[in-house]
């Protein structure tokens, strides 16, 4: 009985890990980004020619850059 319970726990953990790797992780790596944003070259991509990890996340802001830039750099001033 004890062996059976451990086997079920191991199987459930493996299934949860496989589900995460197959369905959830890819979404996390491209959270909010459009397919075009994911596929295009971005500034700094040339700094690491063969990266071992790649993620593109994005947020759409409904305002022009001249209104957003001062807010982004306020901590630097």
PDB file of N, CA and C in Angstrom:
ATOM      1  N   UNK A   1       0.826  -1.203   0.000  1.00  0.00           N
ATOM      2  CA  UNK A   1       0.000   0.000   0.000  1.00  0.00           C
ATOM      3  C   UNK A   1       0.863   1.257   0.000  1.00  0.00           C
ATOM      4  N   UNK A   2       1.889   1.288   0.823  1.00  0.00           N
ATOM      5  CA  UNK A   2       2.758   2.453   0.908  1.00  0.00           C
ATOM      6  C   UNK A   2       3.480   2.689  -0.420  1.00  0.00           C
ATOM      7  N   UNK A   3       3.952   1.595  -1.064  1.00  0.00           N
ATOM      8  CA  UNK A   3       4.628   1.721  -2.350  1.00  0.00           C
ATOM      9  C   UNK A   3       3.679   2.279  -3.405  1.00  0.00           C
ATOM     10  N   UNK A   4       2.449   1.814  -3.400  1.00  0.00           N
ATOM     11  CA  UNK A   4       1.452   2.286  -4.361  1.00  0.00           C
ATOM     12  C   UNK A   4       1.213   3.791  -4.209  1.00  0.00           C
ATOM     13  N   UNK A   5       1.113   4.250  -2.985  1.00  0.00           N
ATOM     14  CA  UNK A   5       0.880   5.674  -2.745  1.00  0.00           C
ATOM     15  C   UNK A   5       2.061   6.512  -3.240  1.00  0.00           C
ATOM     16  N   UNK A   6       3.281   6.050  -2.981  1.00  0.00           N
ATOM     17  CA  UNK A   6       4.472   6.772  -3.457  1.00  0.00           C
ATOM     18  C   UNK A   6       4.520   6.793  -4.979  1.00  0.00           C
ATOM     19  N   UNK A   7       4.153   5.702  -5.590  1.00  0.00           N
ATOM     20  CA  UNK A   7       4.139   5.631  -7.046  1.00  0.00           C
ATOM     21  C   UNK A   7       3.137   6.629  -7.630  1.00  0.00           C
ATOM     22  N   UNK A   8       1.987   6.750  -7.025  1.00  0.00           N
ATOM     23  CA  UNK A   8       0.972   7.712  -7.471  1.00  0.00           C
ATOM     24  C   UNK A   8       1.496   9.131  -7.316  1.00  0.00           C
ATOM     25  N   UNK A   9       2.172   9.411  -6.199  1.00  0.00           N
ATOM     26  CA  UNK A   9       2.717  10.755  -5.969  1.00  0.00           C
ATOM     27  C   UNK A   9       3.792  11.076  -6.997  1.00  0.00           C
ATOM     28  N   UNK A  10       4.671  10.135  -7.271  1.00  0.00           N
ATOM     29  CA  UNK A  10       5.728  10.346  -8.270  1.00  0.00           C
ATOM     30  C   UNK A  10       5.122  10.568  -9.654  1.00  0.00           C
ATOM     31  N   UNK A  11       4.129   9.763 -10.006  1.00  0.00           N
ATOM     32  CA  UNK A  11       3.474   9.917 -11.303  1.00  0.00           C
ATOM     33  C   UNK A  11       2.768  11.270 -11.409  1.00  0.00           C
ATOM     34  N   UNK A  12       2.090  11.678 -10.353  1.00  0.00           N
ATOM     35  CA  UNK A  12       1.394  12.970 -10.364  1.00  0.00           C
ATOM     36  C   UNK A  12       2.389  14.123 -10.487  1.00  0.00           C
ATOM     37  N   UNK A  13       3.520  14.033  -9.795  1.00  0.00           N
ATOM     38  CA  UNK A  13       4.531  15.082  -9.887  1.00  0.00           C
ATOM     39  C   UNK A  13       5.123  15.140 -11.291  1.00  0.00           C
ATOM     40  N   UNK A  14       5.375  13.974 -11.885  1.00  0.00           N
ATOM     41  CA  UNK A  14       5.908  13.942 -13.249  1.00  0.00           C
ATOM     42  C   UNK A  14       4.892  14.520 -14.241  1.00  0.00           C
ATOM     43  N   UNK A  15       3.624  14.191 -14.064  1.00  0.00           N
ATOM     44  CA  UNK A  15       2.588  14.721 -14.952  1.00  0.00           C
ATOM     45  C   UNK A  15       2.461  16.234 -14.797  1.00  0.00           C
ATOM     46  N   UNK A  16       2.535  16.717 -13.555  1.00  0.00           N
ATOM     47  CA  UNK A  16       2.461  18.170 -13.331  1.00  0.00           C
ATOM     48  C   UNK A  16       3.659  18.869 -13.968  1.00  0.00           C
ATOM     49  N   UNK A  17       4.845  18.294 -13.826  1.00  0.00           N
ATOM     50  CA  UNK A  17       6.045  18.883 -14.432  1.00  0.00           C
ATOM     51  C   UNK A  17       5.960  18.899 -15.943  1.00  0.00           C
ATOM     52  N   UNK A  18       5.488  17.819 -16.535  1.00  0.00           N
ATOM     53  CA  UNK A  18       5.350  17.749 -17.988  1.00  0.00           C
ATOM     54  C   UNK A  18       4.312  18.751 -18.490  1.00  0.00           C
ATOM     55  N   UNK A  19       3.209  18.879 -17.777  1.00  0.00           N
ATOM     56  CA  UNK A  19       2.175  19.847 -18.155  1.00  0.00           C
ATOM     57  C   UNK A  19       2.721  21.267 -18.092  1.00  0.00           C
ATOM     58  N   UNK A  20       3.455  21.576 -17.031  1.00  0.00           N
ATOM     59  CA  UNK A  20       4.053  22.908 -16.898  1.00  0.00           C
ATOM     60  C   UNK A  20       5.012  23.176 -18.054  1.00  0.00           C
ATOM     61  N   UNK A  21       5.901  22.218 -18.327  1.00  0.00           N
ATOM     62  CA  UNK A  21       6.902  22.415 -19.380  1.00  0.00           C
ATOM     63  C   UNK A  21       6.260  22.546 -20.760  1.00  0.00           C
ATOM     64  N   UNK A  22       5.192  21.827 -21.001  1.00  0.00           N
ATOM     65  CA  UNK A  22       4.581  21.821 -22.332  1.00  0.00           C
ATOM     66  C   UNK A  22       3.638  22.990 -22.579  1.00  0.00           C
ATOM     67  N   UNK A  23       2.866  23.383 -21.568  1.00  0.00           N
ATOM     68  CA  UNK A  23       1.811  24.367 -21.793  1.00  0.00           C
ATOM     69  C   UNK A  23       2.028  25.716 -21.109  1.00  0.00           C
ATOM     70  N   UNK A  24       2.528  25.721 -19.896  1.00  0.00           N
ATOM     71  CA  UNK A  24       2.631  26.965 -19.148  1.00  0.00           C
ATOM     72  C   UNK A  24       3.942  27.701 -19.388  1.00  0.00           C
ATOM     73  N   UNK A  25       5.066  27.005 -19.378  1.00  0.00           N
ATOM     74  CA  UNK A  25       6.366  27.664 -19.531  1.00  0.00           C
ATOM     75  C   UNK A  25       6.483  28.447 -20.838  1.00  0.00           C
ATOM     76  N   UNK A  26       6.091  27.890 -21.985  1.00  0.00           N
ATOM     77  CA  UNK A  26       6.185  28.676 -23.219  1.00  0.00           C
ATOM     78  C   UNK A  26       5.387  29.980 -23.157  1.00  0.00           C
ATOM     79  N   UNK A  27       4.236  29.962 -22.518  1.00  0.00           N
ATOM     80  CA  UNK A  27       3.438  31.192 -22.385  1.00  0.00           C
ATOM     81  C   UNK A  27       4.143  32.207 -21.502  1.00  0.00           C
ATOM     82  N   UNK A  28       4.810  31.746 -20.453  1.00  0.00           N
ATOM     83  CA  UNK A  28       5.521  32.654 -19.556  1.00  0.00           C
ATOM     84  C   UNK A  28       6.699  33.315 -20.254  1.00  0.00           C
ATOM     85  N   UNK A  29       7.332  32.623 -21.181  1.00  0.00           N
ATOM     86  CA  UNK A  29       8.502  33.172 -21.864  1.00  0.00           C
ATOM     87  C   UNK A  29       8.137  34.266 -22.866  1.00  0.00           C
ATOM     88  N   UNK A  30       6.879  34.338 -23.261  1.00  0.00           N
ATOM     89  CA  UNK A  30       6.449  35.339 -24.247  1.00  0.00           C
ATOM     90  C   UNK A  30       5.224  36.099 -23.758  1.00  0.00           C
ATOM     91  N   UNK A  31       5.113  36.269 -22.457  1.00  0.00           N
ATOM     92  CA  UNK A  31       3.947  36.882 -21.828  1.00  0.00           C
ATOM     93  C   UNK A  31       3.678  38.274 -22.388  1.00  0.00           C
ATOM     94  N   UNK A  32       2.525  38.503 -22.983  1.00  0.00           N
ATOM     95  CA  UNK A  32       2.116  39.807 -23.460  1.00  0.00           C
ATOM     96  C   UNK A  32       2.688  40.226 -24.797  1.00  0.00           C
ATOM     97  N   UNK A  33       3.658  39.486 -25.319  1.00  0.00           N
ATOM     98  CA  UNK A  33       4.302  39.853 -26.585  1.00  0.00           C
ATOM     99  C   UNK A  33       3.534  39.263 -27.762  1.00  0.00           C
ATOM    100  N   UNK A  34       3.470  40.027 -28.838  1.00  0.00           N
ATOM    101  CA  UNK A  34       2.846  39.527 -30.068  1.00  0.00           C
ATOM    102  C   UNK A  34       3.831  38.599 -30.777  1.00  0.00           C
ATOM    103  N   UNK A  35       3.362  37.742 -31.675  1.00  0.00           N
ATOM    104  CA  UNK A  35       4.290  36.886 -32.434  1.00  0.00           C
ATOM    105  C   UNK A  35       5.341  37.703 -33.189  1.00  0.00           C
ATOM    106  N   UNK A  36       4.963  38.880 -33.675  1.00  0.00           N
ATOM    107  CA  UNK A  36       5.932  39.732 -34.386  1.00  0.00           C
ATOM    108  C   UNK A  36       7.019  40.216 -33.435  1.00  0.00           C
ATOM    109  N   UNK A  37       6.653  40.591 -32.229  1.00  0.00           N
ATOM    110  CA  UNK A  37       7.643  41.045 -31.246  1.00  0.00           C
ATOM    111  C   UNK A  37       8.578  39.916 -30.842  1.00  0.00           C
ATOM    112  N   UNK A  38       8.052  38.726 -30.736  1.00  0.00           N
ATOM    113  CA  UNK A  38       8.881  37.571 -30.359  1.00  0.00           C
ATOM    114  C   UNK A  38       9.875  37.235 -31.460  1.00  0.00           C
ATOM    115  N   UNK A  39       9.469  37.335 -32.726  1.00  0.00           N
ATOM    116  CA  UNK A  39      10.325  36.901 -33.830  1.00  0.00           C
ATOM    117  C   UNK A  39      11.328  37.953 -34.295  1.00  0.00           C
ATOM    118  N   UNK A  40      11.103  39.226 -34.015  1.00  0.00           N
ATOM    119  CA  UNK A  40      12.007  40.250 -34.536  1.00  0.00           C
ATOM    120  C   UNK A  40      13.252  40.401 -33.647  1.00  0.00           C
ATOM    121  N   UNK A  41      14.291  40.965 -34.239  1.00  0.00           N
ATOM    122  CA  UNK A  41      15.520  41.246 -33.498  1.00  0.00           C
ATOM    123  C   UNK A  41      15.296  42.474 -32.617  1.00  0.00           C
ATOM    124  N   UNK A  42      15.789  42.412 -31.406  1.00  0.00           N
ATOM    125  CA  UNK A  42      15.631  43.509 -30.462  1.00  0.00           C
ATOM    126  C   UNK A  42      16.996  44.081 -30.091  1.00  0.00           C
ATOM    127  N   UNK A  43      17.036  45.330 -29.628  1.00  0.00           N
ATOM    128  CA  UNK A  43      18.310  45.920 -29.225  1.00  0.00           C
ATOM    129  C   UNK A  43      18.990  45.046 -28.165  1.00  0.00           C
ATOM    130  N   UNK A  44      20.262  44.781 -28.384  1.00  0.00           N
ATOM    131  CA  UNK A  44      21.036  43.978 -27.447  1.00  0.00           C
ATOM    132  C   UNK A  44      21.136  42.514 -27.838  1.00  0.00           C
ATOM    133  N   UNK A  45      20.358  42.076 -28.823  1.00  0.00           N
ATOM    134  CA  UNK A  45      20.430  40.680 -29.254  1.00  0.00           C
ATOM    135  C   UNK A  45      21.814  40.316 -29.770  1.00  0.00           C
ATOM    136  N   UNK A  46      22.515  41.283 -30.326  1.00  0.00           N
ATOM    137  CA  UNK A  46      23.846  41.009 -30.878  1.00  0.00           C
ATOM    138  C   UNK A  46      24.925  40.890 -29.792  1.00  0.00           C
ATOM    139  N   UNK A  47      24.618  41.234 -28.567  1.00  0.00           N
ATOM    140  CA  UNK A  47      25.607  41.183 -27.491  1.00  0.00           C
ATOM    141  C   UNK A  47      25.930  39.749 -27.062  1.00  0.00           C
ATOM    142  N   UNK A  48      24.975  38.848 -27.222  1.00  0.00           N
ATOM    143  CA  UNK A  48      25.187  37.436 -26.882  1.00  0.00           C
ATOM    144  C   UNK A  48      24.839  36.623 -28.119  1.00  0.00           C
ATOM    145  N   UNK A  49      25.857  36.168 -28.874  1.00  0.00           N
ATOM    146  CA  UNK A  49      25.581  35.503 -30.146  1.00  0.00           C
ATOM    147  C   UNK A  49      24.828  34.174 -30.035  1.00  0.00           C
ATOM    148  N   UNK A  50      25.054  33.391 -28.985  1.00  0.00           N
ATOM    149  CA  UNK A  50      24.364  32.109 -28.850  1.00  0.00           C
ATOM    150  C   UNK A  50      23.753  31.960 -27.467  1.00  0.00           C
ATOM    151  N   UNK A  51      22.672  32.683 -27.184  1.00  0.00           N
ATOM    152  CA  UNK A  51      22.113  32.636 -25.832  1.00  0.00           C
ATOM    153  C   UNK A  51      21.560  31.246 -25.487  1.00  0.00           C
ATOM    154  N   UNK A  52      21.658  30.889 -24.225  1.00  0.00           N
ATOM    155  CA  UNK A  52      21.102  29.609 -23.777  1.00  0.00           C
ATOM    156  C   UNK A  52      19.661  29.778 -23.289  1.00  0.00           C
ATOM    157  N   UNK A  53      19.216  31.012 -23.173  1.00  0.00           N
ATOM    158  CA  UNK A  53      17.873  31.302 -22.684  1.00  0.00           C
ATOM    159  C   UNK A  53      17.342  32.506 -23.441  1.00  0.00           C
ATOM    160  N   UNK A  54      16.068  32.477 -23.818  1.00  0.00           N
ATOM    161  CA  UNK A  54      15.483  33.572 -24.570  1.00  0.00           C
ATOM    162  C   UNK A  54      14.045  33.784 -24.106  1.00  0.00           C
ATOM    163  N   UNK A  55      13.728  35.008 -23.709  1.00  0.00           N
ATOM    164  CA  UNK A  55      12.370  35.346 -23.305  1.00  0.00           C
ATOM    165  C   UNK A  55      12.056  36.755 -23.775  1.00  0.00           C
ATOM    166  N   UNK A  56      10.871  36.954 -24.297  1.00  0.00           N
ATOM    167  CA  UNK A  56      10.408  38.266 -24.710  1.00  0.00           C
ATOM    168  C   UNK A  56       9.060  38.505 -24.053  1.00  0.00           C
ATOM    169  N   UNK A  57       9.021  39.465 -23.164  1.00  0.00           N
ATOM    170  CA  UNK A  57       7.771  39.818 -22.493  1.00  0.00           C
ATOM    171  C   UNK A  57       7.440  41.258 -22.854  1.00  0.00           C
ATOM    172  N   UNK A  58       6.150  41.586 -22.894  1.00  0.00           N
ATOM    173  CA  UNK A  58       5.765  42.917 -23.336  1.00  0.00           C
ATOM    174  C   UNK A  58       4.524  43.396 -22.601  1.00  0.00           C
ATOM    175  N   UNK A  59       4.380  44.713 -22.594  1.00  0.00           N
ATOM    176  CA  UNK A  59       3.196  45.360 -22.046  1.00  0.00           C
ATOM    177  C   UNK A  59       2.788  46.439 -23.027  1.00  0.00           C
ATOM    178  N   UNK A  60       1.527  46.493 -23.367  1.00  0.00           N
ATOM    179  CA  UNK A  60       1.027  47.529 -24.255  1.00  0.00           C
ATOM    180  C   UNK A  60       0.516  48.686 -23.402  1.00  0.00           C
ATOM    181  N   UNK A  61       1.040  49.870 -23.684  1.00  0.00           N
ATOM    182  CA  UNK A  61       0.657  51.062 -22.936  1.00  0.00           C
ATOM    183  C   UNK A  61      -0.016  52.021 -23.916  1.00  0.00           C
ATOM    184  N   UNK A  62      -1.184  52.483 -23.556  1.00  0.00           N
ATOM    185  CA  UNK A  62      -1.946  53.365 -24.432  1.00  0.00           C
ATOM    186  C   UNK A  62      -1.575  54.833 -24.255  1.00  0.00           C
ATOM    187  N   UNK A  63      -0.313  55.161 -24.492  1.00  0.00           N
ATOM    188  CA  UNK A  63       0.142  56.547 -24.387  1.00  0.00           C
ATOM    189  C   UNK A  63       1.353  56.716 -25.291  1.00  0.00           C
ATOM    190  N   UNK A  64       1.609  57.931 -25.777  1.00  0.00           N
ATOM    191  CA  UNK A  64       2.766  58.158 -26.638  1.00  0.00           C
ATOM    192  C   UNK A  64       4.075  58.121 -25.835  1.00  0.00           C
ATOM    193  N   UNK A  65       5.198  57.812 -26.502  1.00  0.00           N
ATOM    194  CA  UNK A  65       6.493  57.708 -25.823  1.00  0.00           C
ATOM    195  C   UNK A  65       6.883  58.954 -25.029  1.00  0.00           C
ATOM    196  N   UNK A  66       6.545  60.135 -25.524  1.00  0.00           N
ATOM    197  CA  UNK A  66       6.944  61.361 -24.819  1.00  0.00           C
ATOM    198  C   UNK A  66       6.247  61.512 -23.460  1.00  0.00           C
ATOM    199  N   UNK A  67       5.140  60.825 -23.278  1.00  0.00           N
ATOM    200  CA  UNK A  67       4.467  60.847 -21.969  1.00  0.00           C
ATOM    201  C   UNK A  67       4.970  59.743 -21.058  1.00  0.00           C
ATOM    202  N   UNK A  68       5.450  58.655 -21.637  1.00  0.00           N
ATOM    203  CA  UNK A  68       5.897  57.509 -20.847  1.00  0.00           C
ATOM    204  C   UNK A  68       7.348  57.645 -20.403  1.00  0.00           C
ATOM    205  N   UNK A  69       8.223  58.157 -21.267  1.00  0.00           N
ATOM    206  CA  UNK A  69       9.650  58.218 -20.962  1.00  0.00           C
ATOM    207  C   UNK A  69       9.952  58.956 -19.654  1.00  0.00           C
ATOM    208  N   UNK A  70       9.388  60.116 -19.381  1.00  0.00           N
ATOM    209  CA  UNK A  70       9.677  60.781 -18.097  1.00  0.00           C
ATOM    210  C   UNK A  70       9.269  59.930 -16.890  1.00  0.00           C
ATOM    211  N   UNK A  71       8.209  59.188 -17.020  1.00  0.00           N
ATOM    212  CA  UNK A  71       7.767  58.338 -15.916  1.00  0.00           C
ATOM    213  C   UNK A  71       8.752  57.181 -15.697  1.00  0.00           C
ATOM    214  N   UNK A  72       9.281  56.624 -16.811  1.00  0.00           N
ATOM    215  CA  UNK A  72      10.222  55.512 -16.688  1.00  0.00           C
ATOM    216  C   UNK A  72      11.547  55.917 -16.051  1.00  0.00           C
ATOM    217  N   UNK A  73      12.018  57.109 -16.365  1.00  0.00           N
ATOM    218  CA  UNK A  73      13.341  57.514 -15.878  1.00  0.00           C
ATOM    219  C   UNK A  73      13.271  58.359 -14.603  1.00  0.00           C
ATOM    220  N   UNK A  74      12.122  58.510 -13.991  1.00  0.00           N
ATOM    221  CA  UNK A  74      12.002  59.350 -12.811  1.00  0.00           C
ATOM    222  C   UNK A  74      12.889  58.882 -11.678  1.00  0.00           C
ATOM    223  N   UNK A  75      13.150  57.607 -11.554  1.00  0.00           N
ATOM    224  CA  UNK A  75      14.000  57.098 -10.472  1.00  0.00           C
ATOM    225  C   UNK A  75      15.467  57.430 -10.708  1.00  0.00           C
ATOM    226  N   UNK A  76      15.844  57.734 -11.944  1.00  0.00           N
ATOM    227  CA  UNK A  76      17.236  58.041 -12.257  1.00  0.00           C
ATOM    228  C   UNK A  76      17.597  59.487 -11.989  1.00  0.00           C
ATOM    229  N   UNK A  77      16.593  60.331 -11.859  1.00  0.00           N
ATOM    230  CA  UNK A  77      16.841  61.769 -11.690  1.00  0.00           C
ATOM    231  C   UNK A  77      17.015  62.114 -10.230  1.00  0.00           C
TER     232      UNK A  77
END
